[in-house]
């Protein structure tokens, strides 16, 4: 009924080791999406912590050099140039800054994990969608009537050359 979807199913089932068990794509997709949801929750928490750590580190720095908060302040460039070494030393010794860097690394790690899971889930999602589309198309074809005729016209239009 849908040769394009049949081709997708054949290729992805082969690639994913699901030939003859194509419906298993939906189960694997659900497993990956569950993992992704857990990573998203952890990422939300890590981003909130990163924001809090940033505010603490910034407050610590700005308590000493408040004009660093405003690059348009007339003394900004002068203070930055004059106190550069002290600012760097402060950052190197600051627990707040170290905590912010660590929390930022956590956010980056979780973000990378999220992308990894999304990338792994994509072919399973496409395979599951193709299986579902062919199942629904077969059901519509079996019912026949105007619904099937309309679907055939849509397919002809999609397959046509502009």
N, C-alpha and C. Protein backbone atom coordinates (compact mmCIF):
# COMPACT_ATOMS: atom_id res chain seq x y z
N UNK A 1 0.83 -1.19 0.00
CA UNK A 1 0.00 0.00 0.00
C UNK A 1 0.87 1.25 0.00
N UNK A 2 1.91 1.26 0.83
CA UNK A 2 2.80 2.43 0.94
C UNK A 2 4.25 1.99 0.68
N UNK A 3 4.65 1.93 -0.57
CA UNK A 3 6.00 1.43 -0.86
C UNK A 3 7.11 2.28 -0.23
N UNK A 4 6.86 3.59 -0.08
CA UNK A 4 7.88 4.44 0.55
C UNK A 4 8.09 4.02 2.00
N UNK A 5 6.99 3.80 2.69
CA UNK A 5 7.08 3.39 4.09
C UNK A 5 7.64 1.96 4.20
N UNK A 6 7.26 1.10 3.25
CA UNK A 6 7.82 -0.26 3.24
C UNK A 6 9.34 -0.22 3.11
N UNK A 7 9.84 0.69 2.27
CA UNK A 7 11.29 0.83 2.09
C UNK A 7 11.95 1.33 3.38
N UNK A 8 11.30 2.28 4.04
CA UNK A 8 11.82 2.78 5.32
C UNK A 8 11.86 1.65 6.34
N UNK A 9 10.78 0.89 6.40
CA UNK A 9 10.70 -0.22 7.36
C UNK A 9 11.79 -1.24 7.09
N UNK A 10 11.96 -1.62 5.84
CA UNK A 10 12.98 -2.62 5.51
C UNK A 10 14.38 -2.13 5.87
N UNK A 11 14.70 -0.89 5.49
CA UNK A 11 16.05 -0.36 5.74
C UNK A 11 16.32 -0.17 7.23
N UNK A 12 15.38 0.42 7.94
CA UNK A 12 15.61 0.67 9.36
C UNK A 12 15.55 -0.61 10.19
N UNK A 13 14.67 -1.52 9.83
CA UNK A 13 14.61 -2.79 10.56
C UNK A 13 15.94 -3.53 10.42
N UNK A 14 16.50 -3.50 9.23
CA UNK A 14 17.81 -4.14 9.00
C UNK A 14 18.88 -3.43 9.83
N UNK A 15 18.92 -2.11 9.73
CA UNK A 15 19.94 -1.32 10.43
C UNK A 15 19.86 -1.49 11.95
N UNK A 16 18.66 -1.59 12.47
CA UNK A 16 18.45 -1.67 13.91
C UNK A 16 18.38 -3.10 14.44
N UNK A 17 18.52 -4.07 13.55
CA UNK A 17 18.46 -5.47 13.97
C UNK A 17 17.07 -5.90 14.39
N UNK A 18 16.06 -5.34 13.75
CA UNK A 18 14.66 -5.65 14.10
C UNK A 18 13.89 -6.31 12.96
N UNK A 19 14.60 -6.88 11.98
CA UNK A 19 13.89 -7.51 10.87
C UNK A 19 12.99 -8.61 11.41
N UNK A 20 11.71 -8.54 11.04
CA UNK A 20 10.73 -9.51 11.51
C UNK A 20 10.14 -9.13 12.87
N UNK A 21 10.72 -8.13 13.50
CA UNK A 21 10.24 -7.66 14.81
C UNK A 21 10.11 -6.14 14.79
N UNK A 22 9.64 -5.62 13.67
CA UNK A 22 9.58 -4.18 13.47
C UNK A 22 8.77 -3.46 14.53
N UNK A 23 7.74 -4.11 15.05
CA UNK A 23 6.91 -3.49 16.08
C UNK A 23 7.71 -3.24 17.36
N UNK A 24 8.84 -3.92 17.52
CA UNK A 24 9.71 -3.70 18.67
C UNK A 24 10.33 -2.31 18.69
N UNK A 25 10.27 -1.62 17.56
CA UNK A 25 10.81 -0.26 17.51
C UNK A 25 10.07 0.65 18.48
N UNK A 26 8.77 0.46 18.60
CA UNK A 26 7.97 1.29 19.51
C UNK A 26 8.39 1.06 20.96
N UNK A 27 8.71 -0.17 21.31
CA UNK A 27 9.14 -0.48 22.67
C UNK A 27 10.51 0.15 22.97
N UNK A 28 11.42 0.03 22.02
CA UNK A 28 12.75 0.62 22.20
C UNK A 28 12.65 2.14 22.24
N UNK A 29 11.79 2.69 21.40
CA UNK A 29 11.58 4.13 21.41
C UNK A 29 11.06 4.58 22.77
N UNK A 30 10.12 3.85 23.33
CA UNK A 30 9.59 4.21 24.65
C UNK A 30 10.68 4.14 25.72
N UNK A 31 11.52 3.12 25.65
CA UNK A 31 12.62 3.00 26.61
C UNK A 31 13.57 4.20 26.50
N UNK A 32 13.91 4.57 25.27
CA UNK A 32 14.80 5.72 25.07
C UNK A 32 14.14 7.02 25.51
N UNK A 33 12.84 7.17 25.23
CA UNK A 33 12.13 8.38 25.65
C UNK A 33 12.03 8.46 27.16
N UNK A 34 11.87 7.33 27.83
CA UNK A 34 11.86 7.33 29.30
C UNK A 34 13.21 7.80 29.83
N UNK A 35 14.27 7.29 29.23
CA UNK A 35 15.61 7.72 29.63
C UNK A 35 15.83 9.19 29.35
N UNK A 36 15.32 9.64 28.21
CA UNK A 36 15.45 11.05 27.85
C UNK A 36 14.69 11.93 28.83
N UNK A 37 13.53 11.50 29.25
CA UNK A 37 12.75 12.28 30.21
C UNK A 37 13.49 12.38 31.54
N UNK A 38 14.13 11.32 31.97
CA UNK A 38 14.92 11.35 33.20
C UNK A 38 16.09 12.32 33.05
N UNK A 39 16.74 12.30 31.90
CA UNK A 39 17.85 13.22 31.65
C UNK A 39 17.34 14.65 31.62
N UNK A 40 16.19 14.88 31.01
CA UNK A 40 15.63 16.24 30.97
C UNK A 40 15.35 16.77 32.38
N UNK A 41 14.80 15.92 33.24
CA UNK A 41 14.55 16.35 34.62
C UNK A 41 15.87 16.69 35.31
N UNK A 42 16.86 15.83 35.14
CA UNK A 42 18.18 16.10 35.74
C UNK A 42 18.80 17.36 35.16
N UNK A 43 18.61 17.57 33.87
CA UNK A 43 19.15 18.76 33.21
C UNK A 43 18.47 20.02 33.74
N UNK A 44 17.16 19.97 33.93
CA UNK A 44 16.45 21.12 34.50
C UNK A 44 17.01 21.46 35.88
N UNK A 45 17.21 20.44 36.70
CA UNK A 45 17.75 20.65 38.04
C UNK A 45 19.18 21.20 37.97
N UNK A 46 19.98 20.65 37.06
CA UNK A 46 21.36 21.10 36.92
C UNK A 46 21.43 22.54 36.42
N UNK A 47 20.52 22.90 35.52
CA UNK A 47 20.50 24.28 35.03
C UNK A 47 20.10 25.26 36.13
N UNK A 48 19.16 24.87 36.98
CA UNK A 48 18.77 25.71 38.10
C UNK A 48 19.94 25.88 39.06
N UNK A 49 20.65 24.80 39.33
CA UNK A 49 21.82 24.87 40.21
C UNK A 49 22.90 25.74 39.58
N UNK A 50 23.12 25.57 38.29
CA UNK A 50 24.13 26.38 37.60
C UNK A 50 23.79 27.86 37.72
N UNK A 51 22.54 28.20 37.52
CA UNK A 51 22.11 29.60 37.63
C UNK A 51 22.36 30.13 39.04
N UNK A 52 22.04 29.33 40.05
CA UNK A 52 22.26 29.75 41.44
C UNK A 52 23.75 29.92 41.73
N UNK A 53 24.56 28.97 41.26
CA UNK A 53 26.01 29.06 41.47
C UNK A 53 26.59 30.27 40.74
N UNK A 54 26.08 30.55 39.55
CA UNK A 54 26.54 31.72 38.80
C UNK A 54 26.24 33.00 39.59
N UNK A 55 25.04 33.09 40.12
CA UNK A 55 24.66 34.29 40.88
C UNK A 55 25.55 34.47 42.11
N UNK A 56 25.86 33.38 42.78
CA UNK A 56 26.74 33.47 43.96
C UNK A 56 28.15 33.91 43.55
N UNK A 57 28.67 33.30 42.49
CA UNK A 57 30.03 33.66 42.04
C UNK A 57 30.07 35.10 41.55
N UNK A 58 29.04 35.52 40.83
CA UNK A 58 28.99 36.89 40.33
C UNK A 58 28.86 37.88 41.49
N UNK A 59 28.03 37.55 42.47
CA UNK A 59 27.86 38.45 43.61
C UNK A 59 29.18 38.61 44.37
N UNK A 60 29.90 37.52 44.51
CA UNK A 60 31.20 37.54 45.18
C UNK A 60 32.17 38.46 44.43
N UNK A 61 32.21 38.33 43.12
CA UNK A 61 33.10 39.14 42.29
C UNK A 61 32.67 40.61 42.29
N UNK A 62 31.37 40.84 42.14
CA UNK A 62 30.88 42.21 42.05
C UNK A 62 30.91 42.94 43.39
N UNK A 63 30.95 42.19 44.48
CA UNK A 63 31.08 42.84 45.79
C UNK A 63 32.42 43.57 45.87
N UNK A 64 33.40 43.04 45.18
CA UNK A 64 34.73 43.64 45.18
C UNK A 64 34.92 44.65 44.06
N UNK A 65 34.37 44.35 42.90
CA UNK A 65 34.54 45.22 41.72
C UNK A 65 33.17 45.43 41.07
N UNK A 66 32.32 46.24 41.66
CA UNK A 66 30.93 46.38 41.18
C UNK A 66 30.80 46.88 39.75
N UNK A 67 31.73 47.69 39.29
CA UNK A 67 31.58 48.23 37.93
C UNK A 67 31.83 47.20 36.84
N UNK A 68 32.28 46.02 37.21
CA UNK A 68 32.45 44.96 36.20
C UNK A 68 31.09 44.48 35.66
N UNK A 69 30.04 44.80 36.40
CA UNK A 69 28.70 44.40 35.97
C UNK A 69 28.18 45.24 34.81
N UNK A 70 28.82 46.38 34.56
CA UNK A 70 28.32 47.32 33.53
C UNK A 70 29.45 47.70 32.58
N UNK A 71 29.51 47.07 31.42
CA UNK A 71 30.60 47.39 30.48
C UNK A 71 30.53 48.83 29.96
N UNK A 72 29.42 49.51 30.17
CA UNK A 72 29.28 50.90 29.73
C UNK A 72 29.66 51.89 30.84
N UNK A 73 29.93 51.37 32.02
CA UNK A 73 30.35 52.24 33.13
C UNK A 73 31.67 52.91 32.74
N UNK A 74 31.81 54.21 33.03
CA UNK A 74 33.04 54.92 32.62
C UNK A 74 34.32 54.33 33.21
N UNK A 75 34.23 53.67 34.35
CA UNK A 75 35.42 53.11 34.98
C UNK A 75 35.64 51.63 34.67
N UNK A 76 34.75 51.03 33.92
CA UNK A 76 34.83 49.59 33.65
C UNK A 76 36.18 49.19 33.07
N UNK A 77 36.57 49.77 31.97
CA UNK A 77 37.82 49.39 31.30
C UNK A 77 39.03 49.66 32.19
N UNK A 78 39.01 50.77 32.89
CA UNK A 78 40.13 51.12 33.76
C UNK A 78 40.27 50.12 34.91
N UNK A 79 39.15 49.78 35.54
CA UNK A 79 39.18 48.82 36.65
C UNK A 79 39.62 47.45 36.15
N UNK A 80 39.11 47.05 35.03
CA UNK A 80 39.47 45.75 34.47
C UNK A 80 40.97 45.70 34.15
N UNK A 81 41.50 46.77 33.55
CA UNK A 81 42.92 46.80 33.21
C UNK A 81 43.79 46.86 34.46
N UNK A 82 43.42 47.69 35.41
CA UNK A 82 44.24 47.89 36.61
C UNK A 82 44.21 46.67 37.53
N UNK A 83 43.07 46.00 37.61
CA UNK A 83 42.90 44.91 38.58
C UNK A 83 42.83 43.52 37.94
N UNK A 84 43.25 43.43 36.70
CA UNK A 84 43.15 42.15 35.99
C UNK A 84 43.80 41.00 36.77
N UNK A 85 44.99 41.18 37.25
CA UNK A 85 45.69 40.11 37.98
C UNK A 85 44.93 39.74 39.26
N UNK A 86 44.44 40.73 39.98
CA UNK A 86 43.69 40.46 41.22
C UNK A 86 42.37 39.75 40.90
N UNK A 87 41.74 40.13 39.81
CA UNK A 87 40.47 39.49 39.41
C UNK A 87 40.73 38.03 39.05
N UNK A 88 41.78 37.78 38.28
CA UNK A 88 42.13 36.40 37.93
C UNK A 88 42.47 35.58 39.17
N UNK A 89 43.22 36.17 40.08
CA UNK A 89 43.56 35.48 41.32
C UNK A 89 42.30 35.17 42.12
N UNK A 90 41.41 36.15 42.17
CA UNK A 90 40.14 35.93 42.87
C UNK A 90 39.39 34.73 42.27
N UNK A 91 39.30 34.69 40.95
CA UNK A 91 38.57 33.61 40.29
C UNK A 91 39.25 32.26 40.53
N UNK A 92 40.58 32.26 40.52
CA UNK A 92 41.31 31.00 40.74
C UNK A 92 41.11 30.47 42.15
N UNK A 93 40.91 31.35 43.11
CA UNK A 93 40.78 30.95 44.51
C UNK A 93 39.33 30.86 44.99
N UNK A 94 38.41 31.27 44.16
CA UNK A 94 37.02 31.36 44.58
C UNK A 94 36.32 30.01 44.54
N UNK A 95 35.78 29.60 45.69
CA UNK A 95 34.97 28.38 45.73
C UNK A 95 33.69 28.57 44.92
N UNK A 96 33.13 29.76 44.99
CA UNK A 96 31.91 30.04 44.24
C UNK A 96 32.11 29.88 42.74
N UNK A 97 33.23 30.41 42.25
CA UNK A 97 33.54 30.28 40.82
C UNK A 97 33.79 28.83 40.46
N UNK A 98 34.52 28.10 41.31
CA UNK A 98 34.78 26.67 41.06
C UNK A 98 33.47 25.89 41.05
N UNK A 99 32.57 26.22 41.98
CA UNK A 99 31.27 25.54 42.01
C UNK A 99 30.48 25.83 40.74
N UNK A 100 30.53 27.06 40.27
CA UNK A 100 29.82 27.40 39.03
C UNK A 100 30.40 26.62 37.85
N UNK A 101 31.73 26.57 37.77
CA UNK A 101 32.35 25.81 36.67
C UNK A 101 31.94 24.34 36.72
N UNK A 102 31.92 23.76 37.91
CA UNK A 102 31.53 22.35 38.05
C UNK A 102 30.07 22.16 37.65
N UNK A 103 29.21 23.08 38.07
CA UNK A 103 27.79 22.94 37.71
C UNK A 103 27.59 23.14 36.21
N UNK A 104 28.39 24.00 35.62
CA UNK A 104 28.32 24.20 34.16
C UNK A 104 28.75 22.94 33.42
N UNK A 105 29.76 22.25 33.95
CA UNK A 105 30.19 20.98 33.35
C UNK A 105 29.08 19.93 33.44
N UNK A 106 28.36 19.91 34.56
CA UNK A 106 27.24 18.98 34.70
C UNK A 106 26.17 19.27 33.66
N UNK A 107 25.86 20.54 33.46
CA UNK A 107 24.86 20.92 32.46
C UNK A 107 25.32 20.48 31.07
N UNK A 108 26.59 20.72 30.77
CA UNK A 108 27.12 20.32 29.46
C UNK A 108 27.05 18.80 29.28
N UNK A 109 27.41 18.06 30.33
CA UNK A 109 27.39 16.59 30.26
C UNK A 109 25.96 16.08 30.04
N UNK A 110 25.03 16.63 30.79
CA UNK A 110 23.63 16.20 30.65
C UNK A 110 23.06 16.63 29.30
N UNK A 111 23.44 17.79 28.82
CA UNK A 111 23.01 18.23 27.49
C UNK A 111 23.51 17.29 26.41
N UNK A 112 24.77 16.88 26.54
CA UNK A 112 25.34 15.93 25.57
C UNK A 112 24.61 14.58 25.65
N UNK A 113 24.29 14.15 26.86
CA UNK A 113 23.56 12.88 27.03
C UNK A 113 22.18 12.97 26.40
N UNK A 114 21.53 14.13 26.56
CA UNK A 114 20.22 14.34 25.97
C UNK A 114 20.30 14.22 24.44
N UNK A 115 21.28 14.87 23.84
CA UNK A 115 21.44 14.79 22.38
C UNK A 115 21.75 13.37 21.94
N UNK A 116 22.56 12.67 22.72
CA UNK A 116 22.89 11.28 22.39
C UNK A 116 21.63 10.42 22.36
N UNK A 117 20.79 10.56 23.38
CA UNK A 117 19.55 9.78 23.43
C UNK A 117 18.60 10.17 22.31
N UNK A 118 18.51 11.45 22.02
CA UNK A 118 17.64 11.90 20.93
C UNK A 118 18.12 11.34 19.59
N UNK A 119 19.43 11.32 19.41
CA UNK A 119 20.00 10.80 18.17
C UNK A 119 19.75 9.29 18.05
N UNK A 120 19.92 8.58 19.17
CA UNK A 120 19.65 7.13 19.16
C UNK A 120 18.18 6.83 18.94
N UNK A 121 17.29 7.69 19.46
CA UNK A 121 15.85 7.45 19.36
C UNK A 121 15.31 7.73 17.96
N UNK A 122 15.94 8.62 17.22
CA UNK A 122 15.39 9.06 15.94
C UNK A 122 15.06 7.92 14.97
N UNK A 123 15.97 6.96 14.71
CA UNK A 123 15.60 5.91 13.77
C UNK A 123 14.48 5.00 14.30
N UNK A 124 14.44 4.81 15.61
CA UNK A 124 13.35 4.00 16.18
C UNK A 124 12.02 4.74 16.03
N UNK A 125 12.06 6.04 16.23
CA UNK A 125 10.84 6.83 16.06
C UNK A 125 10.36 6.78 14.62
N UNK A 126 11.28 6.90 13.67
CA UNK A 126 10.90 6.86 12.25
C UNK A 126 10.36 5.49 11.88
N UNK A 127 11.00 4.42 12.37
CA UNK A 127 10.52 3.07 12.09
C UNK A 127 9.14 2.84 12.70
N UNK A 128 8.96 3.24 13.95
CA UNK A 128 7.66 3.07 14.61
C UNK A 128 6.57 3.84 13.86
N UNK A 129 6.90 5.03 13.39
CA UNK A 129 5.92 5.82 12.64
C UNK A 129 5.58 5.15 11.31
N UNK A 130 6.57 4.59 10.65
CA UNK A 130 6.33 3.91 9.37
C UNK A 130 5.46 2.67 9.58
N UNK A 131 5.74 1.91 10.63
CA UNK A 131 4.93 0.72 10.93
C UNK A 131 3.49 1.14 11.19
N UNK A 132 3.30 2.17 11.99
CA UNK A 132 1.96 2.64 12.31
C UNK A 132 1.24 3.17 11.06
N UNK A 133 1.96 3.91 10.23
CA UNK A 133 1.35 4.44 9.00
C UNK A 133 0.88 3.32 8.07
N UNK A 134 1.70 2.29 7.92
CA UNK A 134 1.29 1.18 7.04
C UNK A 134 0.11 0.42 7.64
N UNK A 135 0.11 0.27 8.96
CA UNK A 135 -1.01 -0.41 9.62
C UNK A 135 -2.30 0.37 9.41
N UNK A 136 -2.24 1.67 9.60
CA UNK A 136 -3.44 2.50 9.43
C UNK A 136 -3.89 2.55 7.97
N UNK A 137 -2.91 2.62 7.05
CA UNK A 137 -3.27 2.64 5.63
C UNK A 137 -3.94 1.33 5.22
N UNK A 138 -3.45 0.21 5.73
CA UNK A 138 -4.06 -1.08 5.41
C UNK A 138 -5.49 -1.14 5.95
N UNK A 139 -5.69 -0.61 7.14
CA UNK A 139 -7.04 -0.58 7.71
C UNK A 139 -7.98 0.30 6.88
N UNK A 140 -7.47 1.44 6.45
CA UNK A 140 -8.28 2.34 5.63
C UNK A 140 -8.60 1.69 4.29
N UNK A 141 -7.62 1.01 3.71
CA UNK A 141 -7.84 0.34 2.42
C UNK A 141 -8.90 -0.75 2.57
N UNK A 142 -8.86 -1.50 3.67
CA UNK A 142 -9.83 -2.57 3.90
C UNK A 142 -11.25 -1.99 4.04
N UNK A 143 -11.37 -0.81 4.62
CA UNK A 143 -12.68 -0.17 4.74
C UNK A 143 -13.16 0.37 3.40
N UNK A 144 -12.19 0.78 2.56
CA UNK A 144 -12.54 1.29 1.23
C UNK A 144 -13.32 2.59 1.31
N UNK A 145 -14.14 2.82 0.30
CA UNK A 145 -15.01 3.99 0.29
C UNK A 145 -14.28 5.28 -0.02
N UNK A 146 -14.95 6.36 0.29
CA UNK A 146 -14.44 7.69 -0.04
C UNK A 146 -13.16 8.02 0.74
N UNK A 147 -13.07 7.53 1.96
CA UNK A 147 -11.85 7.77 2.74
C UNK A 147 -10.62 7.22 2.04
N UNK A 148 -10.73 5.97 1.55
CA UNK A 148 -9.61 5.37 0.84
C UNK A 148 -9.35 6.10 -0.47
N UNK A 149 -10.39 6.47 -1.18
CA UNK A 149 -10.22 7.18 -2.45
C UNK A 149 -9.51 8.53 -2.22
N UNK A 150 -9.87 9.22 -1.17
CA UNK A 150 -9.22 10.50 -0.85
C UNK A 150 -7.75 10.27 -0.52
N UNK A 151 -7.48 9.24 0.25
CA UNK A 151 -6.10 8.91 0.62
C UNK A 151 -5.28 8.59 -0.63
N UNK A 152 -5.85 7.84 -1.55
CA UNK A 152 -5.13 7.52 -2.80
C UNK A 152 -4.83 8.78 -3.60
N UNK A 153 -5.77 9.74 -3.62
CA UNK A 153 -5.52 11.00 -4.33
C UNK A 153 -4.39 11.79 -3.66
N UNK A 154 -4.37 11.79 -2.35
CA UNK A 154 -3.30 12.47 -1.63
C UNK A 154 -1.97 11.83 -1.95
N UNK A 155 -1.92 10.50 -1.91
CA UNK A 155 -0.68 9.80 -2.24
C UNK A 155 -0.23 10.13 -3.67
N UNK A 156 -1.15 10.13 -4.61
CA UNK A 156 -0.80 10.45 -6.00
C UNK A 156 -0.23 11.85 -6.09
N UNK A 157 -0.81 12.76 -5.37
CA UNK A 157 -0.30 14.14 -5.36
C UNK A 157 1.10 14.20 -4.77
N UNK A 158 1.30 13.52 -3.66
CA UNK A 158 2.62 13.52 -3.01
C UNK A 158 3.67 12.86 -3.89
N UNK A 159 3.29 11.86 -4.64
CA UNK A 159 4.24 11.13 -5.46
C UNK A 159 4.48 11.79 -6.81
N UNK A 160 3.67 12.77 -7.15
CA UNK A 160 3.77 13.43 -8.44
C UNK A 160 4.98 14.34 -8.54
N UNK A 161 5.35 14.63 -9.75
CA UNK A 161 6.46 15.55 -10.01
C UNK A 161 5.87 16.93 -10.25
N UNK A 162 6.34 17.91 -9.53
CA UNK A 162 5.77 19.26 -9.72
C UNK A 162 6.08 19.83 -11.09
